[in-house]
Amino acid sequence: MNESSDPPTTKPPAPDLPNYILEPLDKQSPDRLDTVAAYAAKLAAWKRTEREHVATKKREENSITEAEQKELEEREISTDPTDYSDIPASGAYITVKETKPGYHYYYWQWRDGDSWKNEYIAPVNANKER
């Protein structure tokens, strides 16, 4: 028998997961574990798709308008994410955030795993420079 088809002689090391997940898995039959693995793979794929859908919808709702983009460009503020060192080249978009009442700023915004990241660009009103 070749090495790759030999049955494992020791239990595989557990991944870094909480005990409330690992302990019930240890009690399951091989067939049940195969079912759990297949479901987990499908669930992960669905969650990735859902996360992308939510990110796309948020981008559509929160992105600046063409007029706002033109105004930034007229102020010689780049709207190209590749001109910024910490901004991902894809998936990032410009949005307006109100940091406190009456103070609106342009920010890059993008999805980073399960969270959102933001980076300051400039004030919306050029007269309110920081």
N, C-alpha and C. Protein backbone atom coordinates (compact mmCIF):
# COMPACT_ATOMS: atom_id res chain seq x y z
N MET A 1 0.84 -1.18 0.00
CA MET A 1 0.00 0.00 0.00
C MET A 1 0.89 1.24 0.00
N ASN A 2 0.55 2.22 -0.84
CA ASN A 2 1.39 3.42 -0.86
C ASN A 2 1.05 4.32 0.33
N GLU A 3 1.95 5.23 0.62
CA GLU A 3 1.84 6.06 1.82
C GLU A 3 0.58 6.92 1.84
N SER A 4 0.14 7.44 0.70
CA SER A 4 -1.00 8.34 0.67
C SER A 4 -2.32 7.62 0.95
N SER A 5 -2.40 6.29 0.75
CA SER A 5 -3.64 5.59 1.00
C SER A 5 -3.65 4.86 2.34
N ASP A 6 -2.56 4.97 3.09
CA ASP A 6 -2.53 4.34 4.41
C ASP A 6 -3.51 5.05 5.33
N PRO A 7 -4.24 4.29 6.14
CA PRO A 7 -5.15 4.95 7.07
C PRO A 7 -4.37 5.71 8.14
N PRO A 8 -4.93 6.79 8.64
CA PRO A 8 -4.22 7.56 9.67
C PRO A 8 -4.08 6.70 10.94
N THR A 9 -2.94 6.81 11.59
CA THR A 9 -2.71 6.04 12.81
C THR A 9 -2.91 6.87 14.06
N THR A 10 -3.00 8.19 13.89
CA THR A 10 -3.25 9.06 15.03
C THR A 10 -4.37 10.03 14.68
N LYS A 11 -5.04 10.46 15.71
CA LYS A 11 -6.12 11.44 15.53
C LYS A 11 -5.50 12.75 15.01
N PRO A 12 -6.13 13.38 14.01
CA PRO A 12 -5.58 14.64 13.50
C PRO A 12 -5.66 15.74 14.55
N PRO A 13 -4.74 16.70 14.47
CA PRO A 13 -4.80 17.81 15.43
C PRO A 13 -6.06 18.65 15.18
N ALA A 14 -6.63 19.10 16.27
CA ALA A 14 -7.86 19.91 16.18
C ALA A 14 -7.51 21.33 15.74
N PRO A 15 -8.35 21.92 14.89
CA PRO A 15 -8.12 23.33 14.52
C PRO A 15 -8.42 24.22 15.71
N ASP A 16 -8.06 25.46 15.59
CA ASP A 16 -8.30 26.43 16.66
C ASP A 16 -9.77 26.85 16.65
N LEU A 17 -10.59 26.03 17.27
CA LEU A 17 -12.03 26.28 17.36
C LEU A 17 -12.45 26.16 18.81
N PRO A 18 -13.55 26.79 19.18
CA PRO A 18 -14.03 26.69 20.57
C PRO A 18 -14.45 25.25 20.89
N ASN A 19 -14.34 24.89 22.16
CA ASN A 19 -14.70 23.54 22.61
C ASN A 19 -16.16 23.22 22.34
N TYR A 20 -17.05 24.22 22.38
CA TYR A 20 -18.46 23.92 22.14
C TYR A 20 -18.71 23.44 20.71
N ILE A 21 -17.76 23.64 19.82
CA ILE A 21 -17.85 23.09 18.47
C ILE A 21 -17.09 21.76 18.39
N LEU A 22 -15.87 21.73 18.93
CA LEU A 22 -15.02 20.54 18.82
C LEU A 22 -15.57 19.33 19.57
N GLU A 23 -16.02 19.52 20.80
CA GLU A 23 -16.46 18.37 21.60
C GLU A 23 -17.62 17.61 20.96
N PRO A 24 -18.67 18.27 20.47
CA PRO A 24 -19.74 17.51 19.81
C PRO A 24 -19.25 16.81 18.53
N LEU A 25 -18.33 17.41 17.82
CA LEU A 25 -17.81 16.76 16.60
C LEU A 25 -17.09 15.46 16.94
N ASP A 26 -16.34 15.46 18.04
CA ASP A 26 -15.61 14.25 18.45
C ASP A 26 -16.55 13.07 18.70
N LYS A 27 -17.79 13.34 19.02
CA LYS A 27 -18.75 12.29 19.35
C LYS A 27 -19.51 11.75 18.14
N GLN A 28 -19.28 12.30 16.97
CA GLN A 28 -20.04 11.93 15.78
C GLN A 28 -19.39 10.78 15.02
N SER A 29 -20.22 10.05 14.28
CA SER A 29 -19.73 8.97 13.43
C SER A 29 -19.05 9.54 12.20
N PRO A 30 -18.23 8.74 11.51
CA PRO A 30 -17.61 9.24 10.27
C PRO A 30 -18.63 9.70 9.24
N ASP A 31 -19.75 8.97 9.10
CA ASP A 31 -20.77 9.37 8.12
C ASP A 31 -21.39 10.72 8.49
N ARG A 32 -21.68 10.89 9.76
CA ARG A 32 -22.25 12.16 10.20
C ARG A 32 -21.24 13.30 9.99
N LEU A 33 -19.96 13.05 10.28
CA LEU A 33 -18.93 14.07 10.06
C LEU A 33 -18.82 14.44 8.59
N ASP A 34 -18.96 13.45 7.69
CA ASP A 34 -18.96 13.75 6.25
C ASP A 34 -20.13 14.66 5.90
N THR A 35 -21.30 14.39 6.50
CA THR A 35 -22.48 15.22 6.26
C THR A 35 -22.26 16.64 6.78
N VAL A 36 -21.69 16.73 7.98
CA VAL A 36 -21.39 18.05 8.57
C VAL A 36 -20.39 18.80 7.69
N ALA A 37 -19.37 18.11 7.21
CA ALA A 37 -18.34 18.76 6.37
C ALA A 37 -18.96 19.28 5.07
N ALA A 38 -19.82 18.47 4.46
CA ALA A 38 -20.46 18.90 3.21
C ALA A 38 -21.35 20.12 3.46
N TYR A 39 -22.12 20.08 4.55
CA TYR A 39 -22.98 21.22 4.88
C TYR A 39 -22.13 22.45 5.19
N ALA A 40 -21.05 22.28 5.96
CA ALA A 40 -20.19 23.42 6.31
C ALA A 40 -19.60 24.06 5.06
N ALA A 41 -19.20 23.26 4.08
CA ALA A 41 -18.65 23.81 2.84
C ALA A 41 -19.71 24.61 2.09
N LYS A 42 -20.94 24.08 2.01
CA LYS A 42 -22.02 24.79 1.33
C LYS A 42 -22.40 26.07 2.08
N LEU A 43 -22.44 25.98 3.41
CA LEU A 43 -22.77 27.15 4.22
C LEU A 43 -21.70 28.24 4.06
N ALA A 44 -20.43 27.84 4.05
CA ALA A 44 -19.35 28.81 3.86
C ALA A 44 -19.47 29.50 2.51
N ALA A 45 -19.77 28.72 1.46
CA ALA A 45 -19.92 29.31 0.12
C ALA A 45 -21.08 30.29 0.10
N TRP A 46 -22.20 29.92 0.72
CA TRP A 46 -23.36 30.81 0.77
C TRP A 46 -23.03 32.09 1.54
N LYS A 47 -22.34 31.95 2.68
CA LYS A 47 -21.98 33.13 3.48
C LYS A 47 -21.05 34.06 2.71
N ARG A 48 -20.12 33.51 1.94
CA ARG A 48 -19.24 34.36 1.13
C ARG A 48 -20.05 35.13 0.10
N THR A 49 -20.98 34.43 -0.55
CA THR A 49 -21.84 35.08 -1.55
C THR A 49 -22.71 36.15 -0.90
N GLU A 50 -23.28 35.83 0.24
CA GLU A 50 -24.13 36.79 0.96
C GLU A 50 -23.32 38.01 1.39
N ARG A 51 -22.12 37.79 1.90
CA ARG A 51 -21.26 38.90 2.33
C ARG A 51 -20.95 39.81 1.14
N GLU A 52 -20.67 39.22 -0.02
CA GLU A 52 -20.39 40.00 -1.21
C GLU A 52 -21.62 40.78 -1.66
N HIS A 53 -22.79 40.16 -1.56
CA HIS A 53 -24.03 40.83 -1.92
C HIS A 53 -24.26 42.05 -1.01
N VAL A 54 -24.06 41.87 0.28
CA VAL A 54 -24.24 42.97 1.23
C VAL A 54 -23.23 44.09 0.94
N ALA A 55 -21.98 43.72 0.65
CA ALA A 55 -20.96 44.72 0.34
C ALA A 55 -21.31 45.49 -0.92
N THR A 56 -21.79 44.79 -1.94
CA THR A 56 -22.18 45.45 -3.19
C THR A 56 -23.34 46.39 -2.96
N LYS A 57 -24.34 45.95 -2.20
CA LYS A 57 -25.50 46.79 -1.92
C LYS A 57 -25.09 48.04 -1.13
N LYS A 58 -24.23 47.85 -0.14
CA LYS A 58 -23.77 48.99 0.66
C LYS A 58 -22.98 49.97 -0.21
N ARG A 59 -22.17 49.42 -1.12
CA ARG A 59 -21.41 50.29 -2.02
C ARG A 59 -22.35 51.11 -2.89
N GLU A 60 -23.38 50.46 -3.46
CA GLU A 60 -24.33 51.16 -4.32
C GLU A 60 -25.07 52.25 -3.56
N GLU A 61 -25.41 51.99 -2.30
CA GLU A 61 -26.16 52.96 -1.50
C GLU A 61 -25.31 54.12 -1.00
N ASN A 62 -24.02 53.87 -0.74
CA ASN A 62 -23.19 54.86 -0.06
C ASN A 62 -22.13 55.53 -0.90
N SER A 63 -21.91 55.07 -2.13
CA SER A 63 -20.88 55.69 -2.98
C SER A 63 -21.25 57.13 -3.31
N ILE A 64 -20.21 57.92 -3.53
CA ILE A 64 -20.46 59.31 -3.91
C ILE A 64 -21.03 59.36 -5.32
N THR A 65 -21.66 60.48 -5.64
CA THR A 65 -22.23 60.68 -6.97
C THR A 65 -21.14 61.07 -7.95
N GLU A 66 -21.49 61.05 -9.23
CA GLU A 66 -20.54 61.49 -10.26
C GLU A 66 -20.16 62.95 -10.05
N ALA A 67 -21.12 63.77 -9.64
CA ALA A 67 -20.84 65.20 -9.41
C ALA A 67 -19.85 65.36 -8.26
N GLU A 68 -20.02 64.57 -7.19
CA GLU A 68 -19.08 64.65 -6.06
C GLU A 68 -17.69 64.17 -6.49
N GLN A 69 -17.66 63.13 -7.31
CA GLN A 69 -16.37 62.65 -7.79
C GLN A 69 -15.68 63.71 -8.64
N LYS A 70 -16.44 64.38 -9.49
CA LYS A 70 -15.87 65.44 -10.34
C LYS A 70 -15.35 66.58 -9.47
N GLU A 71 -16.11 66.92 -8.42
CA GLU A 71 -15.70 68.00 -7.52
C GLU A 71 -14.37 67.64 -6.83
N LEU A 72 -14.21 66.39 -6.41
CA LEU A 72 -12.94 65.97 -5.81
C LEU A 72 -11.80 66.09 -6.81
N GLU A 73 -12.04 65.65 -8.04
CA GLU A 73 -11.01 65.73 -9.07
C GLU A 73 -10.65 67.17 -9.38
N GLU A 74 -11.63 68.09 -9.37
CA GLU A 74 -11.36 69.51 -9.59
C GLU A 74 -10.51 70.08 -8.46
N ARG A 75 -10.64 69.51 -7.28
CA ARG A 75 -9.82 69.93 -6.13
C ARG A 75 -8.47 69.20 -6.14
N GLU A 76 -8.21 68.44 -7.19
CA GLU A 76 -6.98 67.67 -7.36
C GLU A 76 -6.79 66.64 -6.25
N ILE A 77 -7.90 66.02 -5.87
CA ILE A 77 -7.89 64.92 -4.90
C ILE A 77 -8.19 63.65 -5.69
N SER A 78 -7.27 62.72 -5.65
CA SER A 78 -7.40 61.52 -6.46
C SER A 78 -8.59 60.66 -6.01
N THR A 79 -9.29 60.14 -7.00
CA THR A 79 -10.38 59.19 -6.73
C THR A 79 -9.99 57.79 -7.22
N ASP A 80 -8.69 57.59 -7.44
CA ASP A 80 -8.15 56.31 -7.87
C ASP A 80 -7.53 55.61 -6.65
N PRO A 81 -8.07 54.45 -6.25
CA PRO A 81 -7.54 53.79 -5.05
C PRO A 81 -6.06 53.41 -5.15
N THR A 82 -5.55 53.22 -6.37
CA THR A 82 -4.14 52.84 -6.51
C THR A 82 -3.19 54.00 -6.18
N ASP A 83 -3.72 55.21 -6.06
CA ASP A 83 -2.89 56.35 -5.67
C ASP A 83 -2.70 56.42 -4.15
N TYR A 84 -3.32 55.51 -3.41
CA TYR A 84 -3.25 55.49 -1.95
C TYR A 84 -2.59 54.18 -1.51
N SER A 85 -1.66 54.27 -0.58
CA SER A 85 -0.89 53.08 -0.19
C SER A 85 -1.70 52.06 0.61
N ASP A 86 -2.66 52.49 1.41
CA ASP A 86 -3.39 51.56 2.28
C ASP A 86 -4.75 51.14 1.75
N ILE A 87 -5.10 51.54 0.54
CA ILE A 87 -6.42 51.26 -0.02
C ILE A 87 -6.32 50.10 -1.01
N PRO A 88 -7.18 49.08 -0.87
CA PRO A 88 -7.13 47.99 -1.85
C PRO A 88 -7.54 48.48 -3.23
N ALA A 89 -6.92 47.93 -4.25
CA ALA A 89 -7.18 48.37 -5.62
C ALA A 89 -8.59 48.03 -6.09
N SER A 90 -9.18 47.00 -5.52
CA SER A 90 -10.56 46.66 -5.90
C SER A 90 -11.43 46.59 -4.65
N GLY A 91 -12.68 46.93 -4.82
CA GLY A 91 -13.64 46.85 -3.73
C GLY A 91 -13.76 48.11 -2.89
N ALA A 92 -12.82 49.03 -3.01
CA ALA A 92 -12.89 50.27 -2.23
C ALA A 92 -13.71 51.30 -3.00
N TYR A 93 -14.43 52.11 -2.25
CA TYR A 93 -15.20 53.19 -2.86
C TYR A 93 -15.19 54.39 -1.93
N ILE A 94 -15.54 55.53 -2.48
CA ILE A 94 -15.56 56.77 -1.70
C ILE A 94 -16.97 57.02 -1.21
N THR A 95 -17.06 57.39 0.06
CA THR A 95 -18.34 57.68 0.68
C THR A 95 -18.20 58.96 1.51
N VAL A 96 -19.31 59.51 1.92
CA VAL A 96 -19.32 60.69 2.78
C VAL A 96 -19.76 60.25 4.17
N LYS A 97 -19.00 60.66 5.17
CA LYS A 97 -19.35 60.35 6.56
C LYS A 97 -19.48 61.66 7.33
N GLU A 98 -20.44 61.68 8.23
CA GLU A 98 -20.61 62.83 9.12
C GLU A 98 -20.00 62.44 10.46
N THR A 99 -18.85 63.03 10.79
CA THR A 99 -18.14 62.66 12.01
C THR A 99 -18.76 63.28 13.26
N LYS A 100 -19.35 64.45 13.11
CA LYS A 100 -20.16 65.10 14.14
C LYS A 100 -21.11 66.02 13.41
N PRO A 101 -22.18 66.44 14.04
CA PRO A 101 -23.18 67.23 13.31
C PRO A 101 -22.57 68.41 12.54
N GLY A 102 -22.85 68.41 11.23
CA GLY A 102 -22.39 69.50 10.38
C GLY A 102 -21.01 69.31 9.78
N TYR A 103 -20.30 68.25 10.13
CA TYR A 103 -18.95 68.02 9.61
C TYR A 103 -18.95 66.75 8.76
N HIS A 104 -18.87 66.96 7.45
CA HIS A 104 -18.92 65.86 6.49
C HIS A 104 -17.56 65.70 5.82
N TYR A 105 -17.12 64.45 5.72
CA TYR A 105 -15.82 64.15 5.15
C TYR A 105 -15.92 63.01 4.16
N TYR A 106 -15.04 63.06 3.15
CA TYR A 106 -14.92 61.95 2.20
C TYR A 106 -13.99 60.91 2.82
N TYR A 107 -14.39 59.66 2.70
CA TYR A 107 -13.58 58.54 3.17
C TYR A 107 -13.58 57.44 2.12
N TRP A 108 -12.44 56.74 2.03
CA TRP A 108 -12.43 55.47 1.32
C TRP A 108 -13.07 54.47 2.26
N GLN A 109 -13.82 53.54 1.71
CA GLN A 109 -14.44 52.49 2.53
C GLN A 109 -14.32 51.18 1.77
N TRP A 110 -14.02 50.11 2.48
CA TRP A 110 -13.92 48.80 1.84
C TRP A 110 -14.13 47.70 2.88
N ARG A 111 -14.46 46.55 2.37
CA ARG A 111 -14.68 45.36 3.19
C ARG A 111 -13.33 44.69 3.44
N ASP A 112 -13.08 44.30 4.70
CA ASP A 112 -11.86 43.59 5.06
C ASP A 112 -12.28 42.40 5.91
N GLY A 113 -12.48 41.25 5.26
CA GLY A 113 -12.97 40.08 5.99
C GLY A 113 -14.39 40.33 6.45
N ASP A 114 -14.62 40.23 7.75
CA ASP A 114 -15.96 40.43 8.29
C ASP A 114 -16.20 41.86 8.77
N SER A 115 -15.25 42.74 8.54
CA SER A 115 -15.43 44.11 9.01
C SER A 115 -15.24 45.10 7.86
N TRP A 116 -15.54 46.36 8.17
CA TRP A 116 -15.38 47.45 7.20
C TRP A 116 -14.22 48.31 7.64
N LYS A 117 -13.45 48.79 6.68
CA LYS A 117 -12.34 49.69 6.94
C LYS A 117 -12.64 51.03 6.28
N ASN A 118 -12.12 52.10 6.86
CA ASN A 118 -12.30 53.45 6.33
C ASN A 118 -10.97 54.18 6.39
N GLU A 119 -10.76 55.07 5.43
CA GLU A 119 -9.59 55.95 5.49
C GLU A 119 -9.98 57.34 5.00
N TYR A 120 -9.64 58.32 5.80
CA TYR A 120 -9.95 59.73 5.52
C TYR A 120 -9.33 60.18 4.20
N ILE A 121 -10.09 60.98 3.46
CA ILE A 121 -9.58 61.58 2.22
C ILE A 121 -9.51 63.10 2.38
N ALA A 122 -10.69 63.74 2.59
CA ALA A 122 -10.73 65.21 2.63
C ALA A 122 -12.11 65.63 3.14
N PRO A 123 -12.23 66.89 3.60
CA PRO A 123 -13.54 67.38 3.97
C PRO A 123 -14.40 67.58 2.71
N VAL A 124 -15.71 67.45 2.88
CA VAL A 124 -16.61 67.70 1.75
C VAL A 124 -16.55 69.17 1.38
N ASN A 125 -16.59 70.04 2.36
CA ASN A 125 -16.51 71.48 2.13
C ASN A 125 -15.03 71.86 2.24
N ALA A 126 -14.46 72.33 1.14
CA ALA A 126 -13.04 72.67 1.11
C ALA A 126 -12.66 73.74 2.13
N ASN A 127 -13.62 74.52 2.61
CA ASN A 127 -13.34 75.56 3.60
C ASN A 127 -13.18 75.01 5.01
N LYS A 128 -13.50 73.74 5.21
CA LYS A 128 -13.37 73.11 6.53
C LYS A 128 -12.17 72.18 6.59
N GLU A 129 -11.09 72.59 5.93
CA GLU A 129 -9.86 71.76 5.94
C GLU A 129 -9.43 71.56 7.38
N ARG A 130 -8.91 70.37 7.62
CA ARG A 130 -8.42 70.06 8.98
C ARG A 130 -7.17 70.81 9.31
